[in-house]
Amino acid sequence: MRIIHQLGSNEISKETEKQPALMLTNWLGSYFTAGLDSRYGGLFMRIDGRVLKILDSVVPRWQKQANCINKFSRIEHDSIRYFMPDRINALVCESEGDHELHFDIKEPYDDSEWGRDYKVDYNEKHVILRFPKENIVVVVYGGEFLDCQKWVEKEYVYDRDRGSEPYKRFVFCPFTVRGDCFVIVADSDESKAVMDAKYVWNHLSQLKEQRTIYETATSEEDFASLCAMNSLNGYVHGMGGQRDVGLYAGLPWFFQVWTRDEAIAVQGIVEQESRTALRTARNLLMREMSMLQADGRLPNRFPSTVTGCADGIGWHFVRWEKLLDIATRKGLLYTLFREEELKIITHNLEHSLQALKSSYEKDYLIYSGKQESWMDSIPREGALIEMQAMHLQMHKLMYKLTYDNNYNKVQQRIQTEVRRAFFKENYLWDRADDPLVRPNLFLAAYICPDLLKRPEWEQCFDIVLPKLWLDYGGLSTISSDSRLFHNEYSGQNPDSYHNGDSWFWVNNIAALVLERVNKQKYSDYISKIKIASTNDILWSGVAGHSSELSSAKELRSEGSPSQAWSASTLFELLKVVH
């Protein structure tokens, strides 16, 4: 199978053993995945604020091996060309021959078999498929429709391999479509669905032109950088607006806004530096800020859940600092913010920091509960190294915003106490009372470079890299000599997640830190991480999208096939080391 990434007249390609998946998004929170053999594959649409699965797959009546082509705004899989218009809940399919449409309208996590009653209504140029259980209407416009109304059993190999049940499910095939182009639209309003389908059909050329990417790329790194940017932007829904704006953590099954993931991924949007990107980053952070809790933290998720999130607020502070710095440098600060808004932002951040100190600080260290850090599959409670770096950087930001010297004095005391509690045996411990080696000191170095001096950072890295390094170009989440270490990804069972698996976003941040501290000394590490992340986004998993993680044993695209913070940090890395 050959994967092709194509942009204008330039392309790169490679033969691969496994057939990759491809993905499209539409900036409304809807997305389509072709070739992912999972119950989370297919067409999902965000309708009236909730995500619903609409279509399981488009199945050609003929079997033909064909190239997988990523054209960024369009994809081609099994000789079918797919396109999603900007901000319209529609999927366009172009191909010759007959195609079965396999529908499975449901909430993504609803695997029940009952109440699946479909109503089919044939019209002159379109078919209306009604699904009363979810109050959804699907319109298929264009082509000739051949009634068949049958149930087809699907076996999802991807889910079976992950241990994610159920592996099998019946989906509904109401008809076969014959023709070279048809449009699929879903909505809760039947008249709107018909109108949107007709609009897309009649304006297809213009809609494709609107989504054309006018960038140039020649090398693999060029294409990887553009894939990362395109992928990251696709996680945003409500792009350019504020009220309903959000950034998905990952697709196809992390279709929620997780505060930590969103705040980390915002940096890739800021790094694009365009006015639209900076305004989008502003709106994301403003929406997060509107959710501040009485204890100074942000909720774990939007809408919120009962699980605590210790580090989301820290990343929120860090991203405000980056956004304000770049907006100021580009002369856009007062284009993006009114003066009164800047005062409100400063006030809210100040209030958050004081609440955090009252709720979670003891002897100048910040403490977290079980499963409140990004390593949420393990307890890891107490004083965590990346949380202390965040605490320190929060005070640095408040000093920059207020010029209140008290913040400067307190951050100096914090730095002294963090060094005393964590800098032992010539490296930073992961927790104040735990010498177990994990990669979180790289996060600390990224968040607060001034925590240690450069020679001290080198001491740390020289001690921990041999314990964490994976030869293909990544870091394990725990020292490989630990009894807790898992060499293989454990699938939906989380045993390996933070006890062996290598997370692409952490690897990318580690490379950024190594580049900043001593790029000559650590050049081999930096190069291997960059190559591994580039190979992942271009030639594995969902082609054009960064995976969540890999087994420690060998480089694989595992976990969520498409993850926002992986794409964001790769874009940031390639901008620095390209």
Protein backbone atom coordinates (compact mmCIF):
# COMPACT_ATOMS: atom_id res chain seq x y z
CA MET A 1 0.00 0.00 0.00
CA ARG A 2 1.38 3.41 -0.98
CA ILE A 3 0.70 6.50 1.10
CA ILE A 4 0.88 9.81 -0.77
CA HIS A 5 0.89 13.30 0.75
CA GLN A 6 0.08 15.80 -1.97
CA LEU A 7 0.13 19.58 -1.93
CA GLY A 8 -0.23 21.37 -5.24
CA SER A 9 2.25 19.85 -7.69
CA ASN A 10 4.49 18.48 -4.92
CA GLU A 11 4.12 15.14 -3.21
CA ILE A 12 5.96 12.59 -1.11
CA SER A 13 5.10 8.89 -0.96
CA LYS A 14 6.10 5.63 0.66
CA GLU A 15 5.14 1.97 0.51
CA THR A 16 3.80 0.60 3.80
CA GLU A 17 2.83 -2.87 4.98
CA LYS A 18 -0.41 -1.82 6.65
CA GLN A 19 -3.18 0.16 5.05
CA PRO A 20 -3.38 3.47 6.92
CA ALA A 21 -6.49 5.40 7.81
CA LEU A 22 -7.23 8.95 6.66
CA MET A 23 -9.24 11.69 8.36
CA LEU A 24 -11.16 14.89 7.59
CA THR A 25 -12.64 17.55 9.90
CA ASN A 26 -14.84 20.59 9.25
CA TRP A 27 -14.22 23.09 12.13
CA LEU A 28 -17.72 22.43 13.44
CA GLY A 29 -16.56 19.50 15.55
CA SER A 30 -17.53 16.89 12.93
CA TYR A 31 -15.07 14.40 11.49
CA PHE A 32 -14.76 11.46 9.13
CA THR A 33 -12.27 8.61 9.24
CA ALA A 34 -11.77 6.24 6.29
CA GLY A 35 -9.96 2.95 6.74
CA LEU A 36 -10.02 2.77 10.55
CA ASP A 37 -11.39 -0.69 11.32
CA SER A 38 -13.10 0.40 14.53
CA ARG A 39 -16.58 1.19 15.78
CA TYR A 40 -15.14 4.70 16.22
CA GLY A 41 -14.40 4.91 12.49
CA GLY A 42 -16.70 6.52 9.94
CA LEU A 43 -18.63 9.80 9.96
CA PHE A 44 -19.33 11.61 13.24
CA MET A 45 -21.19 14.90 13.32
CA ARG A 46 -21.56 17.48 16.06
CA ILE A 47 -25.24 18.43 15.99
CA ASP A 48 -26.93 20.72 18.51
CA GLY A 49 -23.88 20.53 20.76
CA ARG A 50 -23.49 16.75 20.88
CA VAL A 51 -21.43 14.33 18.81
CA LEU A 52 -23.26 11.50 17.05
CA LYS A 53 -22.01 8.71 14.85
CA ILE A 54 -23.86 8.84 11.52
CA LEU A 55 -22.14 6.58 9.03
CA ASP A 56 -20.01 3.51 9.66
CA SER A 57 -18.48 3.24 6.19
CA VAL A 58 -18.82 3.69 2.45
CA VAL A 59 -18.25 0.29 0.85
CA PRO A 60 -17.55 -0.04 -2.89
CA ARG A 61 -19.23 -3.05 -4.50
CA TRP A 62 -15.94 -3.85 -6.19
CA GLN A 63 -12.70 -4.65 -4.36
CA LYS A 64 -9.69 -2.70 -5.52
CA GLN A 65 -6.37 -1.96 -3.85
CA ALA A 66 -5.54 1.70 -4.34
CA ASN A 67 -3.22 4.34 -2.97
CA CYS A 68 -4.12 6.34 0.12
CA ILE A 69 -3.81 10.04 -0.72
CA ASN A 70 -3.82 12.91 1.74
CA LYS A 71 -4.52 16.24 0.04
CA PHE A 72 -5.01 17.97 3.39
CA SER A 73 -8.49 19.35 2.68
CA ARG A 74 -9.43 16.19 0.76
CA ILE A 75 -8.53 12.51 1.02
CA GLU A 76 -8.69 9.47 -1.23
CA HIS A 77 -9.12 5.97 0.16
CA ASP A 78 -10.08 2.79 -1.75
CA SER A 79 -10.42 4.96 -4.89
CA ILE A 80 -13.14 7.05 -3.20
CA ARG A 81 -12.45 10.77 -2.91
CA TYR A 82 -13.83 12.42 0.24
CA PHE A 83 -14.31 16.06 1.12
CA MET A 84 -15.88 17.94 4.06
CA PRO A 85 -16.85 21.58 3.41
CA ASP A 86 -15.84 24.23 5.89
CA ARG A 87 -18.45 24.67 8.68
CA ILE A 88 -21.15 22.57 6.99
CA ASN A 89 -22.14 19.16 8.36
CA ALA A 90 -21.66 17.36 5.08
CA LEU A 91 -19.50 14.64 3.56
CA VAL A 92 -18.95 14.54 -0.20
CA CYS A 93 -18.05 11.20 -1.81
CA GLU A 94 -16.80 11.01 -5.41
CA SER A 95 -16.15 7.71 -7.18
CA GLU A 96 -17.41 5.58 -10.03
CA GLY A 97 -19.57 2.50 -9.54
CA ASP A 98 -21.95 1.29 -6.87
CA HIS A 99 -21.43 1.91 -3.15
CA GLU A 100 -23.20 0.55 -0.11
CA LEU A 101 -23.74 3.06 2.69
CA HIS A 102 -23.55 1.42 6.11
CA PHE A 103 -25.26 3.57 8.74
CA ASP A 104 -24.97 3.32 12.50
CA ILE A 105 -26.63 6.40 14.01
CA LYS A 106 -25.92 6.55 17.74
CA GLU A 107 -24.10 8.30 20.51
CA PRO A 108 -20.45 7.21 20.19
CA TYR A 109 -20.37 5.18 23.43
CA ASP A 110 -23.86 3.71 23.01
CA ASP A 111 -23.38 0.10 21.91
CA SER A 112 -26.93 -1.06 22.66
CA GLU A 113 -28.74 -2.96 19.93
CA TRP A 114 -32.32 -1.99 20.75
CA GLY A 115 -34.44 0.83 19.35
CA ARG A 116 -32.53 1.01 16.07
CA ASP A 117 -35.48 1.82 13.85
CA TYR A 118 -34.66 3.51 10.53
CA LYS A 119 -37.25 5.08 8.19
CA VAL A 120 -36.31 5.47 4.51
CA ASP A 121 -38.04 7.95 2.19
CA TYR A 122 -37.01 8.06 -1.50
CA ASN A 123 -37.34 11.31 -3.45
CA GLU A 124 -36.46 12.28 -7.01
CA LYS A 125 -32.86 13.38 -6.34
CA HIS A 126 -32.29 12.42 -2.74
CA VAL A 127 -33.08 9.96 0.02
CA ILE A 128 -34.14 10.91 3.54
CA LEU A 129 -33.14 8.51 6.30
CA ARG A 130 -34.86 9.17 9.63
CA PHE A 131 -33.69 7.81 12.98
CA PRO A 132 -36.27 8.69 15.66
CA LYS A 133 -34.20 7.36 18.59
CA GLU A 134 -31.75 10.28 18.27
CA ASN A 135 -34.12 12.67 16.42
CA ILE A 136 -31.72 12.79 13.49
CA VAL A 137 -32.37 13.07 9.76
CA VAL A 138 -29.78 12.09 7.15
CA VAL A 139 -30.07 13.28 3.57
CA VAL A 140 -28.13 11.60 0.75
CA TYR A 141 -28.22 13.77 -2.36
CA GLY A 142 -27.15 12.82 -5.89
CA GLY A 143 -26.83 9.54 -7.71
CA GLU A 144 -29.26 6.67 -8.27
CA PHE A 145 -30.53 4.78 -5.22
CA LEU A 146 -31.07 1.03 -5.26
CA ASP A 147 -33.09 -0.18 -2.27
CA CYS A 148 -31.70 -3.15 -0.33
CA GLN A 149 -32.50 -2.54 3.41
CA LYS A 150 -30.30 -5.13 5.09
CA TRP A 151 -28.28 -5.48 8.27
CA VAL A 152 -24.56 -6.19 7.90
CA GLU A 153 -22.35 -7.57 10.67
CA LYS A 154 -19.03 -5.76 11.09
CA GLU A 155 -15.99 -7.11 12.89
CA TYR A 156 -13.70 -4.35 14.14
CA VAL A 157 -10.14 -5.66 14.13
CA TYR A 158 -8.66 -2.45 15.56
CA ASP A 159 -10.95 -2.66 18.60
CA ARG A 160 -10.28 -6.37 19.06
CA ASP A 161 -6.52 -5.80 19.08
CA ARG A 162 -6.94 -3.05 21.73
CA GLY A 163 -9.19 -5.22 23.88
CA SER A 164 -11.99 -2.68 23.40
CA GLU A 165 -15.35 -4.43 23.36
CA PRO A 166 -17.63 -4.94 21.53
CA TYR A 167 -15.60 -6.12 18.54
CA LYS A 168 -18.70 -6.91 16.44
CA ARG A 169 -21.83 -4.95 15.60
CA PHE A 170 -24.62 -4.96 13.04
CA VAL A 171 -24.97 -1.82 10.92
CA PHE A 172 -27.80 -0.85 8.59
CA CYS A 173 -27.48 -0.67 4.80
CA PRO A 174 -30.71 0.88 3.42
CA PHE A 175 -29.58 1.26 -0.19
CA THR A 176 -26.77 1.26 -2.71
CA VAL A 177 -25.76 4.52 -4.38
CA ARG A 178 -24.85 4.49 -8.07
CA GLY A 179 -23.16 7.58 -9.48
CA ASP A 180 -19.91 9.52 -9.50
CA CYS A 181 -20.79 11.97 -6.70
CA PHE A 182 -23.15 12.11 -3.72
CA VAL A 183 -23.49 14.24 -0.61
CA ILE A 184 -24.34 13.07 2.92
CA VAL A 185 -25.79 15.62 5.37
CA ALA A 186 -27.19 15.09 8.87
CA ASP A 187 -29.19 17.41 11.11
CA SER A 188 -32.03 17.46 13.61
CA ASP A 189 -33.93 19.79 11.24
CA GLU A 190 -35.07 17.98 8.08
CA SER A 191 -35.59 21.10 5.96
CA LYS A 192 -32.13 22.40 6.88
CA ALA A 193 -30.54 19.04 6.05
CA VAL A 194 -32.15 19.04 2.58
CA MET A 195 -31.18 22.67 2.01
CA ASP A 196 -27.55 22.06 3.06
CA ALA A 197 -27.28 18.99 0.83
CA LYS A 198 -28.54 20.93 -2.19
CA TYR A 199 -26.22 23.84 -1.40
CA VAL A 200 -23.15 21.61 -1.22
CA TRP A 201 -24.14 19.81 -4.42
CA ASN A 202 -24.60 23.08 -6.32
CA HIS A 203 -21.52 24.87 -4.95
CA LEU A 204 -19.02 22.02 -4.68
CA SER A 205 -16.28 23.65 -6.75
CA GLN A 206 -16.40 26.87 -4.72
CA LEU A 207 -16.44 24.98 -1.43
CA LYS A 208 -13.37 22.99 -2.45
CA GLU A 209 -11.60 26.19 -3.46
CA GLN A 210 -12.34 27.74 -0.04
CA ARG A 211 -10.57 24.87 1.72
CA THR A 212 -7.54 24.70 -0.58
CA ILE A 213 -4.26 25.11 1.31
CA TYR A 214 -1.86 27.43 -0.48
CA GLU A 215 1.37 26.35 1.18
CA THR A 216 4.52 24.87 -0.29
CA ALA A 217 6.25 21.70 0.83
CA THR A 218 9.04 19.63 -0.66
CA SER A 219 10.79 17.64 2.08
CA GLU A 220 9.34 15.15 4.57
CA GLU A 221 9.82 17.71 7.33
CA ASP A 222 7.90 20.32 5.32
CA PHE A 223 5.00 17.93 4.86
CA ALA A 224 5.14 16.76 8.48
CA SER A 225 4.97 20.36 9.72
CA LEU A 226 1.99 21.17 7.50
CA CYS A 227 0.28 17.91 8.49
CA ALA A 228 0.74 18.80 12.16
CA MET A 229 -0.68 22.30 11.65
CA ASN A 230 -3.60 21.04 9.56
CA SER A 231 -4.35 18.26 12.04
CA LEU A 232 -4.21 20.59 15.06
CA ASN A 233 -6.49 23.19 13.48
CA GLY A 234 -8.97 20.44 12.69
CA TYR A 235 -9.47 19.66 16.38
CA VAL A 236 -10.88 23.17 16.90
CA HIS A 237 -14.60 23.70 16.63
CA GLY A 238 -16.01 27.20 16.57
CA MET A 239 -12.69 28.41 15.12
CA GLY A 240 -12.59 32.21 15.11
CA GLY A 241 -15.52 32.51 17.53
CA GLN A 242 -15.53 32.43 21.33
CA ARG A 243 -18.84 31.31 22.76
CA ASP A 244 -18.73 27.69 21.62
CA VAL A 245 -15.03 27.36 20.85
CA GLY A 246 -13.21 24.24 21.96
CA LEU A 247 -10.35 21.96 21.01
CA TYR A 248 -10.84 18.19 21.00
CA ALA A 249 -8.21 16.15 22.85
CA GLY A 250 -8.01 13.51 20.12
CA LEU A 251 -9.98 11.65 17.52
CA PRO A 252 -11.91 9.54 16.96
CA TRP A 253 -12.80 8.75 20.59
CA PHE A 254 -11.52 11.72 22.64
CA PHE A 255 -14.10 14.06 21.10
CA GLN A 256 -14.40 16.11 24.28
CA VAL A 257 -12.58 19.23 25.42
CA TRP A 258 -10.10 18.13 28.11
CA THR A 259 -8.63 21.18 29.82
CA ARG A 260 -5.08 19.86 30.14
CA ASP A 261 -4.91 18.61 26.56
CA GLU A 262 -6.42 21.80 25.20
CA ALA A 263 -4.08 24.09 27.14
CA ILE A 264 -1.01 22.14 26.03
CA ALA A 265 -2.17 22.07 22.40
CA VAL A 266 -2.97 25.80 22.27
CA GLN A 267 0.74 26.51 21.84
CA GLY A 268 0.75 24.99 18.35
CA ILE A 269 -1.97 27.45 17.37
CA VAL A 270 -0.07 30.37 18.93
CA GLU A 271 3.09 29.33 17.05
CA GLN A 272 1.29 29.80 13.71
CA GLU A 273 1.36 33.53 14.54
CA SER A 274 -1.37 34.56 12.10
CA ARG A 275 -4.07 36.92 13.29
CA THR A 276 -6.72 34.21 12.92
CA ALA A 277 -4.64 31.69 14.86
CA LEU A 278 -3.86 34.13 17.67
CA ARG A 279 -7.52 35.09 17.94
CA THR A 280 -8.48 31.41 18.10
CA ALA A 281 -5.91 30.82 20.88
CA ARG A 282 -7.28 33.87 22.68
CA ASN A 283 -10.84 32.56 22.48
CA LEU A 284 -9.84 29.12 23.73
CA LEU A 285 -8.04 30.57 26.74
CA MET A 286 -10.83 33.03 27.47
CA ARG A 287 -13.37 30.18 27.51
CA GLU A 288 -11.12 28.20 29.84
CA MET A 289 -10.74 31.22 32.11
CA SER A 290 -14.53 31.56 32.35
CA MET A 291 -14.55 28.13 34.06
CA LEU A 292 -12.20 28.93 36.95
CA GLN A 293 -13.24 27.16 40.15
CA ALA A 294 -13.22 28.43 43.72
CA ASP A 295 -10.03 26.46 44.47
CA GLY A 296 -8.21 28.23 41.64
CA ARG A 297 -8.14 25.21 39.33
CA LEU A 298 -9.86 24.55 36.05
CA PRO A 299 -12.23 21.58 35.70
CA ASN A 300 -10.85 18.41 34.18
CA ARG A 301 -13.14 18.63 31.18
CA PHE A 302 -15.64 20.90 29.46
CA PRO A 303 -18.39 20.18 30.39
CA SER A 304 -16.83 19.36 33.76
CA THR A 305 -16.53 15.96 35.49
CA VAL A 306 -15.86 15.00 39.11
CA THR A 307 -12.23 14.02 38.40
CA GLY A 308 -9.72 16.63 39.55
CA CYS A 309 -7.12 18.22 37.27
CA ALA A 310 -4.09 19.60 39.08
CA ASP A 311 -2.04 20.74 36.10
CA GLY A 312 -4.61 22.18 33.69
CA ILE A 313 -4.44 25.58 35.38
CA GLY A 314 -0.64 25.56 35.23
CA TRP A 315 -0.63 24.98 31.48
CA HIS A 316 -3.31 27.68 31.22
CA PHE A 317 -0.96 30.21 32.85
CA VAL A 318 1.97 29.11 30.68
CA ARG A 319 -0.05 29.52 27.49
CA TRP A 320 -1.28 32.98 28.49
CA GLU A 321 2.33 34.05 28.86
CA LYS A 322 3.25 32.76 25.38
CA LEU A 323 0.17 34.28 23.72
CA LEU A 324 0.65 37.70 25.29
CA ASP A 325 4.36 37.71 24.42
CA ILE A 326 3.81 36.85 20.75
CA ALA A 327 0.83 39.20 20.40
CA THR A 328 2.96 42.02 21.84
CA ARG A 329 5.92 41.20 19.58
CA LYS A 330 3.70 41.23 16.50
CA GLY A 331 1.94 44.46 17.51
CA LEU A 332 -1.42 42.70 17.83
CA LEU A 333 -2.00 42.90 21.58
CA TYR A 334 -4.62 45.66 21.40
CA THR A 335 -6.12 44.17 18.26
CA LEU A 336 -6.83 40.95 20.14
CA PHE A 337 -7.68 42.46 23.52
CA ARG A 338 -9.38 45.56 24.82
CA GLU A 339 -7.52 47.25 27.65
CA GLU A 340 -10.33 46.36 30.03
CA GLU A 341 -10.03 42.68 29.01
CA LEU A 342 -6.33 42.66 29.85
CA LYS A 343 -7.15 43.98 33.31
CA ILE A 344 -9.77 41.26 33.78
CA ILE A 345 -7.31 38.57 32.64
CA THR A 346 -4.71 39.80 35.10
CA HIS A 347 -7.29 39.93 37.90
CA ASN A 348 -8.56 36.42 37.19
CA LEU A 349 -5.07 34.93 37.02
CA GLU A 350 -4.14 36.67 40.25
CA HIS A 351 -7.29 35.38 41.96
CA SER A 352 -6.61 31.86 40.67
CA LEU A 353 -3.05 31.84 42.00
CA GLN A 354 -4.11 33.04 45.45
CA ALA A 355 -6.84 30.38 45.61
CA LEU A 356 -4.36 27.67 44.56
CA LYS A 357 -1.97 28.73 47.30
CA SER A 358 -4.74 28.62 49.90
CA SER A 359 -5.99 25.22 48.74
CA TYR A 360 -2.89 23.27 47.70
CA GLU A 361 0.33 24.95 48.89
CA LYS A 362 2.38 23.83 51.87
CA ASP A 363 5.84 25.20 52.64
CA TYR A 364 5.98 26.78 49.15
CA LEU A 365 5.30 23.47 47.37
CA ILE A 366 2.09 22.62 45.50
CA TYR A 367 0.46 19.26 46.25
CA SER A 368 -1.84 17.12 44.09
CA GLY A 369 -4.19 14.25 44.74
CA LYS A 370 -4.22 10.79 43.20
CA GLN A 371 -4.68 10.65 39.41
CA GLU A 372 -4.82 14.45 39.09
CA SER A 373 -1.72 14.81 36.91
CA TRP A 374 -1.40 13.96 33.22
CA MET A 375 -0.24 10.51 34.36
CA ASP A 376 -3.79 9.77 35.42
CA SER A 377 -3.66 5.97 35.12
CA ILE A 378 -1.42 5.80 38.23
CA PRO A 379 -1.88 7.39 41.69
CA ARG A 380 1.20 9.71 41.65
CA GLU A 381 -0.03 12.04 44.37
CA GLY A 382 1.95 14.52 46.45
CA ALA A 383 4.41 17.19 45.34
CA LEU A 384 5.15 16.63 41.62
CA ILE A 385 8.06 18.19 39.78
CA GLU A 386 6.14 19.65 36.83
CA MET A 387 3.59 21.18 39.22
CA GLN A 388 6.38 23.01 41.05
CA ALA A 389 7.69 24.37 37.75
CA MET A 390 4.19 25.61 36.95
CA HIS A 391 3.85 27.18 40.40
CA LEU A 392 7.13 29.01 39.91
CA GLN A 393 6.24 30.17 36.39
CA MET A 394 2.84 31.43 37.58
CA HIS A 395 4.60 33.83 39.95
CA LYS A 396 6.96 34.93 37.19
CA LEU A 397 3.99 35.72 34.93
CA MET A 398 2.16 37.64 37.65
CA TYR A 399 5.26 39.73 38.27
CA LYS A 400 5.41 40.55 34.53
CA LEU A 401 1.74 41.52 34.50
CA THR A 402 1.56 43.50 37.76
CA TYR A 403 5.16 44.59 38.54
CA ASP A 404 4.35 43.66 42.12
CA ASN A 405 7.71 42.81 43.67
CA ASN A 406 6.06 40.46 46.17
CA TYR A 407 5.62 37.95 43.36
CA ASN A 408 9.32 38.21 42.59
CA LYS A 409 10.25 37.61 46.23
CA VAL A 410 7.91 34.64 46.58
CA GLN A 411 9.10 33.00 43.36
CA GLN A 412 12.68 33.18 44.63
CA ARG A 413 11.62 31.39 47.82
CA ILE A 414 9.69 28.80 45.80
CA GLN A 415 12.73 28.13 43.65
CA THR A 416 14.88 27.58 46.73
CA GLU A 417 12.39 25.14 48.25
CA VAL A 418 11.88 23.23 45.01
CA ARG A 419 15.61 22.77 44.58
CA ARG A 420 15.91 21.63 48.19
CA ALA A 421 13.06 19.11 47.90
CA PHE A 422 13.67 17.77 44.38
CA PHE A 423 17.26 18.33 43.25
CA LYS A 424 18.89 15.30 44.82
CA GLU A 425 21.65 12.99 43.61
CA ASN A 426 22.34 15.45 40.74
CA TYR A 427 18.93 15.13 39.13
CA LEU A 428 15.35 16.29 39.72
CA TRP A 429 13.22 13.66 41.39
CA ASP A 430 9.79 13.02 39.95
CA ARG A 431 8.17 13.54 43.36
CA ALA A 432 9.62 15.13 46.47
CA ASP A 433 9.74 11.73 48.21
CA ASP A 434 10.25 9.49 45.18
CA PRO A 435 13.53 9.01 43.23
CA LEU A 436 11.84 6.88 40.55
CA VAL A 437 12.94 8.17 37.14
CA ARG A 438 10.18 9.45 34.87
CA PRO A 439 10.29 12.00 32.02
CA ASN A 440 8.39 14.74 33.86
CA LEU A 441 11.57 16.71 34.57
CA PHE A 442 11.59 17.50 30.81
CA LEU A 443 8.16 19.08 31.26
CA ALA A 444 9.56 21.07 34.18
CA ALA A 445 12.48 22.25 32.04
CA TYR A 446 10.10 23.27 29.26
CA ILE A 447 7.72 25.12 31.60
CA CYS A 448 10.35 26.88 33.72
CA PRO A 449 13.84 26.86 32.16
CA ASP A 450 15.24 28.98 35.01
CA LEU A 451 14.48 26.36 37.66
CA LEU A 452 18.03 25.06 37.21
CA LYS A 453 21.14 26.42 35.53
CA ARG A 454 22.12 24.90 32.18
CA PRO A 455 24.97 22.77 33.59
CA GLU A 456 22.55 21.43 36.20
CA TRP A 457 19.98 20.55 33.53
CA GLU A 458 22.73 18.68 31.69
CA GLN A 459 23.53 16.75 34.86
CA CYS A 460 19.89 15.75 35.12
CA PHE A 461 19.59 14.70 31.50
CA ASP A 462 22.85 12.73 31.55
CA ILE A 463 21.52 10.69 34.47
CA VAL A 464 17.92 10.09 33.31
CA LEU A 465 18.32 9.68 29.54
CA PRO A 466 20.05 6.27 29.75
CA LYS A 467 17.21 5.04 31.97
CA LEU A 468 14.37 6.34 29.78
CA TRP A 469 15.77 6.33 26.24
CA LEU A 470 14.23 4.09 23.58
CA ASP A 471 16.48 3.49 20.59
CA TYR A 472 13.82 4.29 17.98
CA GLY A 473 13.62 7.87 19.26
CA GLY A 474 11.45 8.25 22.35
CA LEU A 475 11.30 8.25 26.13
CA SER A 476 9.64 5.65 28.29
CA THR A 477 7.26 6.90 30.96
CA ILE A 478 9.26 5.05 33.60
CA SER A 479 12.81 3.82 33.99
CA SER A 480 13.26 0.61 32.01
CA ASP A 481 14.86 -1.07 35.03
CA SER A 482 11.75 -0.57 37.17
CA ARG A 483 9.64 -3.60 38.06
CA LEU A 484 6.62 -1.54 36.92
CA PHE A 485 7.96 -1.18 33.37
CA HIS A 486 5.82 -2.54 30.50
CA ASN A 487 7.54 -3.10 27.16
CA GLU A 488 4.31 -3.47 25.17
CA TYR A 489 1.22 -1.26 24.88
CA SER A 490 -1.59 -2.85 26.90
CA GLY A 491 -4.50 -1.58 24.78
CA GLN A 492 -7.63 -0.29 26.51
CA ASN A 493 -6.24 -1.72 29.76
CA PRO A 494 -4.15 1.21 31.10
CA ASP A 495 -1.35 -0.82 32.74
CA SER A 496 1.33 0.33 30.28
CA TYR A 497 0.17 3.91 29.70
CA HIS A 498 2.39 5.60 32.29
CA ASN A 499 4.60 2.65 33.08
CA GLY A 500 6.42 2.12 29.81
CA ASP A 501 4.55 3.60 26.85
CA SER A 502 6.22 6.48 25.04
CA TRP A 503 4.04 9.57 24.50
CA PHE A 504 4.78 11.60 21.39
CA TRP A 505 3.95 14.94 23.02
CA VAL A 506 6.44 14.31 25.84
CA ASN A 507 9.09 13.19 23.35
CA ASN A 508 8.64 16.35 21.29
CA ILE A 509 8.91 18.55 24.38
CA ALA A 510 12.02 16.64 25.48
CA ALA A 511 13.63 17.35 22.11
CA LEU A 512 12.76 21.05 22.42
CA VAL A 513 14.38 21.15 25.87
CA LEU A 514 17.49 19.28 24.74
CA GLU A 515 17.82 21.67 21.79
CA ARG A 516 17.63 24.66 24.12
CA VAL A 517 20.06 23.31 26.72
CA ASN A 518 22.81 21.92 24.46
CA LYS A 519 21.84 21.12 20.89
CA GLN A 520 25.32 19.91 19.92
CA LYS A 521 25.69 17.51 22.83
CA TYR A 522 22.19 16.06 22.46
CA SER A 523 21.91 16.25 18.66
CA ASP A 524 21.52 12.49 18.23
CA TYR A 525 18.61 12.35 20.69
CA ILE A 526 16.94 15.37 19.09
CA SER A 527 17.31 13.94 15.58
CA LYS A 528 15.91 10.53 16.50
CA ILE A 529 12.88 12.02 18.27
CA LYS A 530 12.19 14.26 15.30
CA ILE A 531 12.47 11.35 12.85
CA ALA A 532 10.22 9.09 14.98
CA SER A 533 7.50 11.73 15.31
CA THR A 534 7.77 12.60 11.61
CA ASN A 535 7.45 8.94 10.59
CA ASP A 536 4.43 8.58 12.86
CA ILE A 537 2.52 11.52 11.37
CA LEU A 538 3.37 10.73 7.74
CA TRP A 539 3.44 6.97 7.37
CA SER A 540 1.55 5.28 10.18
CA GLY A 541 -1.75 5.26 12.07
CA VAL A 542 -3.99 7.92 10.56
CA ALA A 543 -1.75 9.36 7.85
CA GLY A 544 -1.35 13.11 8.35
CA HIS A 545 -2.15 12.95 12.07
CA SER A 546 0.02 12.34 15.14
CA SER A 547 -0.72 9.34 17.33
CA GLU A 548 -1.07 9.42 21.08
CA LEU A 549 1.70 7.01 22.03
CA SER A 550 3.88 4.02 21.13
CA SER A 551 4.98 0.86 22.86
CA ALA A 552 8.43 1.03 24.41
CA LYS A 553 9.49 -2.05 22.47
CA GLU A 554 9.36 -0.53 18.99
CA LEU A 555 7.93 2.48 17.19
CA ARG A 556 4.22 1.98 16.58
CA SER A 557 1.19 4.24 16.23
CA GLU A 558 -0.92 3.29 19.23
CA GLY A 559 -3.44 4.71 21.66
CA SER A 560 -5.68 7.34 20.11
CA PRO A 561 -4.84 7.43 16.38
CA SER A 562 -4.96 11.22 16.24
CA GLN A 563 -4.01 13.34 19.26
CA ALA A 564 -4.00 17.13 19.53
CA TRP A 565 -1.05 17.64 21.88
CA SER A 566 1.09 15.29 19.77
CA ALA A 567 0.42 17.37 16.64
CA SER A 568 0.88 20.66 18.48
CA THR A 569 4.23 19.81 20.03
CA LEU A 570 5.48 18.32 16.74
CA PHE A 571 4.62 21.56 14.95
CA GLU A 572 6.45 23.48 17.67
CA LEU A 573 9.47 21.16 17.44
CA LEU A 574 9.76 21.32 13.65
CA LYS A 575 9.51 25.10 13.77
CA VAL A 576 12.60 25.14 15.98
CA VAL A 577 14.76 22.35 14.54
CA HIS A 578 13.61 22.18 10.90
